[in-house]
C-alpha atoms as a PDB file:
ATOM      1  CA  UNK A   1      77.616 178.343 116.825  1.00  0.00           C
ATOM      2  CA  UNK A   2      73.915 178.567 115.996  1.00  0.00           C
ATOM      3  CA  UNK A   3      73.028 175.958 118.314  1.00  0.00           C
ATOM      4  CA  UNK A   4      74.644 177.893 121.155  1.00  0.00           C
ATOM      5  CA  UNK A   5      73.007 180.977 120.191  1.00  0.00           C
ATOM      6  CA  UNK A   6      69.584 179.225 120.289  1.00  0.00           C
ATOM      7  CA  UNK A   7      70.274 178.147 123.949  1.00  0.00           C
ATOM      8  CA  UNK A   8      71.603 181.684 124.876  1.00  0.00           C
ATOM      9  CA  UNK A   9      68.549 183.429 123.660  1.00  0.00           C
ATOM     10  CA  UNK A  10      66.149 180.910 125.590  1.00  0.00           C
ATOM     11  CA  UNK A  11      68.128 181.111 128.760  1.00  0.00           C
ATOM     12  CA  UNK A  12      68.072 185.065 128.761  1.00  0.00           C
ATOM     13  CA  UNK A  13      64.391 184.918 128.815  1.00  0.00           C
ATOM     14  CA  UNK A  14      63.840 183.532 132.243  1.00  0.00           C
ATOM     15  CA  UNK A  15      67.063 185.023 133.266  1.00  0.00           C
ATOM     16  CA  UNK A  16      65.977 188.383 132.871  1.00  0.00           C
ATOM     17  CA  UNK A  17      62.538 187.512 134.208  1.00  0.00           C
ATOM     18  CA  UNK A  18      63.908 186.522 137.611  1.00  0.00           C
ATOM     19  CA  UNK A  19      67.051 188.666 138.028  1.00  0.00           C
ATOM     20  CA  UNK A  20      67.353 191.779 139.988  1.00  0.00           C
ATOM     21  CA  UNK A  21      68.072 194.631 137.564  1.00  0.00           C
ATOM     22  CA  UNK A  22      70.606 196.021 140.043  1.00  0.00           C
ATOM     23  CA  UNK A  23      72.188 192.673 140.706  1.00  0.00           C
ATOM     24  CA  UNK A  24      75.651 191.239 139.754  1.00  0.00           C
ATOM     25  CA  UNK A  25      74.394 189.570 136.772  1.00  0.00           C
ATOM     26  CA  UNK A  26      74.392 192.903 134.916  1.00  0.00           C
ATOM     27  CA  UNK A  27      78.039 193.136 135.319  1.00  0.00           C
ATOM     28  CA  UNK A  28      78.821 189.580 134.147  1.00  0.00           C
ATOM     29  CA  UNK A  29      80.372 188.725 130.868  1.00  0.00           C
ATOM     30  CA  UNK A  30      79.993 185.017 130.889  1.00  0.00           C
ATOM     31  CA  UNK A  31      76.844 183.108 129.908  1.00  0.00           C
ATOM     32  CA  UNK A  32      76.656 180.824 132.914  1.00  0.00           C
ATOM     33  CA  UNK A  33      76.711 183.978 135.147  1.00  0.00           C
ATOM     34  CA  UNK A  34      73.510 185.083 133.597  1.00  0.00           C
ATOM     35  CA  UNK A  35      71.629 182.413 135.297  1.00  0.00           C
ATOM     36  CA  UNK A  36      69.100 183.599 137.930  1.00  0.00           C
ATOM     37  CA  UNK A  37      70.129 182.868 141.643  1.00  0.00           C
ATOM     38  CA  UNK A  38      67.169 180.461 141.946  1.00  0.00           C
ATOM     39  CA  UNK A  39      68.718 178.452 139.213  1.00  0.00           C
ATOM     40  CA  UNK A  40      70.181 174.993 140.190  1.00  0.00           C
ATOM     41  CA  UNK A  41      70.078 171.356 139.345  1.00  0.00           C
ATOM     42  CA  UNK A  42      66.650 171.321 137.832  1.00  0.00           C
ATOM     43  CA  UNK A  43      67.427 174.531 135.765  1.00  0.00           C
ATOM     44  CA  UNK A  44      70.686 172.876 134.472  1.00  0.00           C
ATOM     45  CA  UNK A  45      69.016 169.505 133.630  1.00  0.00           C
ATOM     46  CA  UNK A  46      66.391 171.465 131.784  1.00  0.00           C
ATOM     47  CA  UNK A  47      68.878 173.329 129.764  1.00  0.00           C
ATOM     48  CA  UNK A  48      70.622 170.115 128.777  1.00  0.00           C
ATOM     49  CA  UNK A  49      67.336 168.661 127.691  1.00  0.00           C
ATOM     50  CA  UNK A  50      66.472 171.786 125.577  1.00  0.00           C
ATOM     51  CA  UNK A  51      69.785 171.774 123.981  1.00  0.00           C
ATOM     52  CA  UNK A  52      69.419 168.084 123.211  1.00  0.00           C
ATOM     53  CA  UNK A  53      65.905 168.483 121.696  1.00  0.00           C
ATOM     54  CA  UNK A  54      67.024 171.576 119.573  1.00  0.00           C
ATOM     55  CA  UNK A  55      70.321 170.145 118.392  1.00  0.00           C
ATOM     56  CA  UNK A  56      69.198 170.089 114.743  1.00  0.00           C
ATOM     57  CA  UNK A  57      67.137 173.450 114.707  1.00  0.00           C
ATOM     58  CA  UNK A  58      68.141 176.733 113.661  1.00  0.00           C
ATOM     59  CA  UNK A  59      67.462 179.988 115.289  1.00  0.00           C
ATOM     60  CA  UNK A  60      65.031 181.057 112.655  1.00  0.00           C
ATOM     61  CA  UNK A  61      63.029 177.981 112.874  1.00  0.00           C
ATOM     62  CA  UNK A  62      61.781 178.967 116.325  1.00  0.00           C
ATOM     63  CA  UNK A  63      58.557 180.739 116.440  1.00  0.00           C
ATOM     64  CA  UNK A  64      57.130 182.837 119.382  1.00  0.00           C
ATOM     65  CA  UNK A  65      54.974 179.832 120.725  1.00  0.00           C
ATOM     66  CA  UNK A  66      58.196 177.540 120.871  1.00  0.00           C
ATOM     67  CA  UNK A  67      60.025 180.354 122.789  1.00  0.00           C
ATOM     68  CA  UNK A  68      57.250 180.840 125.072  1.00  0.00           C
ATOM     69  CA  UNK A  69      57.004 177.144 125.657  1.00  0.00           C
ATOM     70  CA  UNK A  70      60.698 176.959 126.507  1.00  0.00           C
ATOM     71  CA  UNK A  71      60.451 179.872 128.748  1.00  0.00           C
ATOM     72  CA  UNK A  72      57.659 178.174 130.651  1.00  0.00           C
ATOM     73  CA  UNK A  73      59.703 175.169 131.027  1.00  0.00           C
ATOM     74  CA  UNK A  74      62.705 176.935 132.448  1.00  0.00           C
ATOM     75  CA  UNK A  75      60.335 178.934 134.695  1.00  0.00           C
ATOM     76  CA  UNK A  76      59.120 175.802 136.215  1.00  0.00           C
ATOM     77  CA  UNK A  77      62.724 174.538 136.523  1.00  0.00           C
ATOM     78  CA  UNK A  78      63.699 177.571 138.362  1.00  0.00           C
ATOM     79  CA  UNK A  79      60.720 177.252 140.711  1.00  0.00           C
ATOM     80  CA  UNK A  80      61.614 173.678 141.458  1.00  0.00           C
ATOM     81  CA  UNK A  81      65.177 174.765 142.429  1.00  0.00           C
ATOM     82  CA  UNK A  82      63.821 177.667 144.520  1.00  0.00           C
ATOM     83  CA  UNK A  83      61.406 175.284 146.304  1.00  0.00           C
ATOM     84  CA  UNK A  84      64.049 173.000 147.253  1.00  0.00           C
ATOM     85  CA  UNK A  85      66.403 175.613 148.500  1.00  0.00           C
ATOM     86  CA  UNK A  86      63.570 177.352 150.383  1.00  0.00           C
ATOM     87  CA  UNK A  87      62.789 173.951 152.227  1.00  0.00           C
ATOM     88  CA  UNK A  88      66.356 173.475 152.924  1.00  0.00           C
ATOM     89  CA  UNK A  89      66.899 176.960 154.321  1.00  0.00           C
ATOM     90  CA  UNK A  90      63.888 176.691 156.538  1.00  0.00           C
ATOM     91  CA  UNK A  91      65.261 173.433 158.178  1.00  0.00           C
ATOM     92  CA  UNK A  92      68.735 175.057 158.588  1.00  0.00           C
ATOM     93  CA  UNK A  93      67.303 178.073 160.630  1.00  0.00           C
ATOM     94  CA  UNK A  94      64.688 176.044 162.484  1.00  0.00           C
ATOM     95  CA  UNK A  95      65.153 172.175 162.281  1.00  0.00           C
ATOM     96  CA  UNK A  96      61.907 170.415 161.297  1.00  0.00           C
ATOM     97  CA  UNK A  97      60.252 173.283 159.596  1.00  0.00           C
ATOM     98  CA  UNK A  98      61.325 172.272 156.088  1.00  0.00           C
ATOM     99  CA  UNK A  99      59.895 168.735 157.065  1.00  0.00           C
ATOM    100  CA  UNK A 100      56.502 170.173 157.886  1.00  0.00           C
ATOM    101  CA  UNK A 101      56.705 172.031 154.522  1.00  0.00           C
ATOM    102  CA  UNK A 102      56.861 168.998 152.729  1.00  0.00           C
ATOM    103  CA  UNK A 103      54.362 166.988 154.851  1.00  0.00           C
ATOM    104  CA  UNK A 104      57.011 164.905 156.571  1.00  0.00           C
ATOM    105  CA  UNK A 105      55.436 165.453 160.098  1.00  0.00           C
ATOM    106  CA  UNK A 106      57.319 162.569 161.781  1.00  0.00           C
ATOM    107  CA  UNK A 107      60.769 163.710 160.832  1.00  0.00           C
ATOM    108  CA  UNK A 108      59.688 167.414 161.469  1.00  0.00           C
ATOM    109  CA  UNK A 109      58.898 166.585 165.058  1.00  0.00           C
ATOM    110  CA  UNK A 110      62.011 164.487 165.435  1.00  0.00           C
ATOM    111  CA  UNK A 111      64.256 167.147 164.374  1.00  0.00           C
ATOM    112  CA  UNK A 112      62.504 169.900 166.248  1.00  0.00           C
ATOM    113  CA  UNK A 113      62.672 167.667 169.363  1.00  0.00           C
ATOM    114  CA  UNK A 114      66.292 166.909 168.794  1.00  0.00           C
ATOM    115  CA  UNK A 115      67.281 170.598 168.206  1.00  0.00           C
ATOM    116  CA  UNK A 116      65.323 171.551 171.399  1.00  0.00           C
ATOM    117  CA  UNK A 117      67.073 168.755 173.218  1.00  0.00           C
ATOM    118  CA  UNK A 118      70.432 169.838 172.212  1.00  0.00           C
ATOM    119  CA  UNK A 119      69.923 173.526 173.122  1.00  0.00           C
ATOM    120  CA  UNK A 120      68.339 172.458 176.407  1.00  0.00           C
ATOM    121  CA  UNK A 121      71.122 170.157 177.198  1.00  0.00           C
ATOM    122  CA  UNK A 122      73.752 172.675 176.272  1.00  0.00           C
ATOM    123  CA  UNK A 123      72.088 175.356 178.542  1.00  0.00           C
ATOM    124  CA  UNK A 124      72.059 172.991 181.606  1.00  0.00           C
ATOM    125  CA  UNK A 125      75.509 171.838 180.842  1.00  0.00           C
ATOM    126  CA  UNK A 126      77.026 175.454 180.542  1.00  0.00           C
ATOM    127  CA  UNK A 127      75.138 176.422 183.866  1.00  0.00           C
ATOM    128  CA  UNK A 128      76.614 173.459 185.780  1.00  0.00           C
ATOM    129  CA  UNK A 129      80.010 174.074 184.423  1.00  0.00           C
ATOM    130  CA  UNK A 130      80.168 177.666 185.910  1.00  0.00           C
ATOM    131  CA  UNK A 131      81.836 178.175 189.175  1.00  0.00           C
ATOM    132  CA  UNK A 132      79.565 177.337 192.281  1.00  0.00           C
ATOM    133  CA  UNK A 133      79.178 180.831 193.577  1.00  0.00           C
ATOM    134  CA  UNK A 134      77.692 182.363 190.435  1.00  0.00           C
ATOM    135  CA  UNK A 135      74.853 179.911 190.207  1.00  0.00           C
ATOM    136  CA  UNK A 136      71.376 180.837 191.153  1.00  0.00           C
ATOM    137  CA  UNK A 137      71.228 178.670 194.255  1.00  0.00           C
ATOM    138  CA  UNK A 138      74.432 180.441 195.634  1.00  0.00           C
ATOM    139  CA  UNK A 139      73.944 184.021 194.367  1.00  0.00           C
ATOM    140  CA  UNK A 140      70.566 185.897 194.758  1.00  0.00           C
ATOM    141  CA  UNK A 141      70.449 187.776 191.435  1.00  0.00           C
ATOM    142  CA  UNK A 142      67.143 189.510 192.418  1.00  0.00           C
ATOM    143  CA  UNK A 143      67.983 190.876 195.813  1.00  0.00           C
ATOM    144  CA  UNK A 144      71.812 191.262 195.379  1.00  0.00           C
ATOM    145  CA  UNK A 145      73.261 194.659 194.361  1.00  0.00           C
ATOM    146  CA  UNK A 146      74.815 195.098 190.911  1.00  0.00           C
ATOM    147  CA  UNK A 147      78.256 195.479 192.557  1.00  0.00           C
ATOM    148  CA  UNK A 148      77.778 192.233 194.422  1.00  0.00           C
ATOM    149  CA  UNK A 149      76.975 190.287 191.381  1.00  0.00           C
ATOM    150  CA  UNK A 150      79.768 191.979 189.288  1.00  0.00           C
ATOM    151  CA  UNK A 151      82.376 191.250 192.031  1.00  0.00           C
ATOM    152  CA  UNK A 152      81.303 187.677 192.222  1.00  0.00           C
ATOM    153  CA  UNK A 153      81.770 187.126 188.497  1.00  0.00           C
ATOM    154  CA  UNK A 154      84.959 189.081 188.334  1.00  0.00           C
ATOM    155  CA  UNK A 155      86.432 187.210 191.405  1.00  0.00           C
ATOM    156  CA  UNK A 156      87.298 184.306 188.888  1.00  0.00           C
ATOM    157  CA  UNK A 157      89.860 183.851 186.355  1.00  0.00           C
ATOM    158  CA  UNK A 158      89.348 182.995 182.703  1.00  0.00           C
ATOM    159  CA  UNK A 159      90.390 179.452 183.503  1.00  0.00           C
ATOM    160  CA  UNK A 160      87.488 179.088 185.838  1.00  0.00           C
ATOM    161  CA  UNK A 161      85.109 179.832 182.857  1.00  0.00           C
ATOM    162  CA  UNK A 162      86.822 177.498 180.326  1.00  0.00           C
ATOM    163  CA  UNK A 163      84.842 174.425 181.237  1.00  0.00           C
ATOM    164  CA  UNK A 164      81.657 176.338 180.561  1.00  0.00           C
ATOM    165  CA  UNK A 165      82.962 177.898 177.385  1.00  0.00           C
ATOM    166  CA  UNK A 166      84.021 174.540 176.156  1.00  0.00           C
ATOM    167  CA  UNK A 167      80.680 172.972 176.848  1.00  0.00           C
ATOM    168  CA  UNK A 168      79.016 175.829 175.037  1.00  0.00           C
ATOM    169  CA  UNK A 169      81.421 175.477 171.824  1.00  0.00           C
ATOM    170  CA  UNK A 170      80.606 171.756 171.990  1.00  0.00           C
ATOM    171  CA  UNK A 171      76.915 172.250 172.076  1.00  0.00           C
ATOM    172  CA  UNK A 172      76.893 174.835 169.238  1.00  0.00           C
ATOM    173  CA  UNK A 173      78.901 172.289 167.058  1.00  0.00           C
ATOM    174  CA  UNK A 174      76.315 169.604 167.898  1.00  0.00           C
ATOM    175  CA  UNK A 175      73.523 172.080 167.265  1.00  0.00           C
ATOM    176  CA  UNK A 176      75.134 172.951 163.735  1.00  0.00           C
ATOM    177  CA  UNK A 177      75.276 169.252 162.856  1.00  0.00           C
ATOM    178  CA  UNK A 178      71.663 168.784 163.700  1.00  0.00           C
ATOM    179  CA  UNK A 179      70.765 171.787 161.536  1.00  0.00           C
ATOM    180  CA  UNK A 180      72.697 170.566 158.624  1.00  0.00           C
ATOM    181  CA  UNK A 181      71.259 167.095 159.022  1.00  0.00           C
ATOM    182  CA  UNK A 182      67.891 168.589 159.098  1.00  0.00           C
ATOM    183  CA  UNK A 183      68.348 170.751 156.197  1.00  0.00           C
ATOM    184  CA  UNK A 184      69.689 167.914 153.987  1.00  0.00           C
ATOM    185  CA  UNK A 185      66.892 165.577 154.928  1.00  0.00           C
ATOM    186  CA  UNK A 186      64.231 168.329 154.190  1.00  0.00           C
ATOM    187  CA  UNK A 187      65.934 169.016 150.789  1.00  0.00           C
ATOM    188  CA  UNK A 188      65.829 165.380 149.924  1.00  0.00           C
ATOM    189  CA  UNK A 189      62.153 165.170 150.904  1.00  0.00           C
ATOM    190  CA  UNK A 190      61.401 168.404 148.696  1.00  0.00           C
ATOM    191  CA  UNK A 191      63.165 166.737 145.791  1.00  0.00           C
ATOM    192  CA  UNK A 192      61.073 163.621 146.111  1.00  0.00           C
ATOM    193  CA  UNK A 193      58.130 165.633 146.160  1.00  0.00           C
ATOM    194  CA  UNK A 194      58.989 167.306 142.937  1.00  0.00           C
ATOM    195  CA  UNK A 195      60.195 164.261 141.229  1.00  0.00           C
ATOM    196  CA  UNK A 196      57.042 162.468 142.175  1.00  0.00           C
ATOM    197  CA  UNK A 197      54.725 165.087 140.908  1.00  0.00           C
ATOM    198  CA  UNK A 198      53.013 165.497 144.466  1.00  0.00           C
ATOM    199  CA  UNK A 199      54.010 169.161 144.257  1.00  0.00           C
ATOM    200  CA  UNK A 200      53.608 171.029 140.963  1.00  0.00           C
ATOM    201  CA  UNK A 201      54.350 174.532 139.703  1.00  0.00           C
ATOM    202  CA  UNK A 202      52.803 176.969 137.302  1.00  0.00           C
ATOM    203  CA  UNK A 203      54.719 178.984 134.866  1.00  0.00           C
ATOM    204  CA  UNK A 204      55.194 182.665 135.700  1.00  0.00           C
ATOM    205  CA  UNK A 205      53.393 184.993 133.475  1.00  0.00           C
ATOM    206  CA  UNK A 206      55.436 188.009 132.370  1.00  0.00           C
ATOM    207  CA  UNK A 207      58.449 189.830 133.900  1.00  0.00           C
ATOM    208  CA  UNK A 208      58.265 191.112 137.376  1.00  0.00           C
ATOM    209  CA  UNK A 209      56.243 188.381 138.999  1.00  0.00           C
ATOM    210  CA  UNK A 210      58.638 186.976 141.686  1.00  0.00           C
ATOM    211  CA  UNK A 211      56.266 184.760 143.600  1.00  0.00           C
ATOM    212  CA  UNK A 212      56.127 180.930 143.078  1.00  0.00           C
ATOM    213  CA  UNK A 213      52.875 179.177 142.176  1.00  0.00           C
ATOM    214  CA  UNK A 214      52.616 175.934 143.988  1.00  0.00           C
ATOM    215  CA  UNK A 215      49.702 173.512 143.823  1.00  0.00           C
ATOM    216  CA  UNK A 216      49.358 170.340 145.908  1.00  0.00           C
END
């Protein structure tokens, strides 16, 4: 019981430091729900390590310096998780961006080029899947009246546009797979940087500091 209380007290310190005072954690009743949103595998591993190290200690044995030291360890663990998540998100929205963040220029260029190729290929495939008379070489969109353009497009049934729609959906699926692949690769690269120590973090000082201190 005392062991669990020690871990709970230690975990609440960084949790309160990172959490939004109006966030959902204020309404939670479970200990696990009090973890900050940035928390992830590194935070969980650090908690397990602290729990192991303090298995024989009592709550009254911890002094302020020890609590501060533990809080700093958890602060760094949270920042590690936030760093990996940020890199993953960057490559999800723009393939290659997360790779540039971790210094993996080669894969960054490859994923960015692949994403551009998929989007460009999809655009051309959709265009050439449209009925002939709505393409630019058949219909003058600059000099034709709006009614002429509208009548040309409305002169076709939904079935006529199905090939273009199918190509568009297929292209978006491929684009999604590329983004997922890129984000996963970027997250792996970020974890390698963290585990190797080539990217380091500094403990946040006091509550209210939401930035991440990163030093290369």
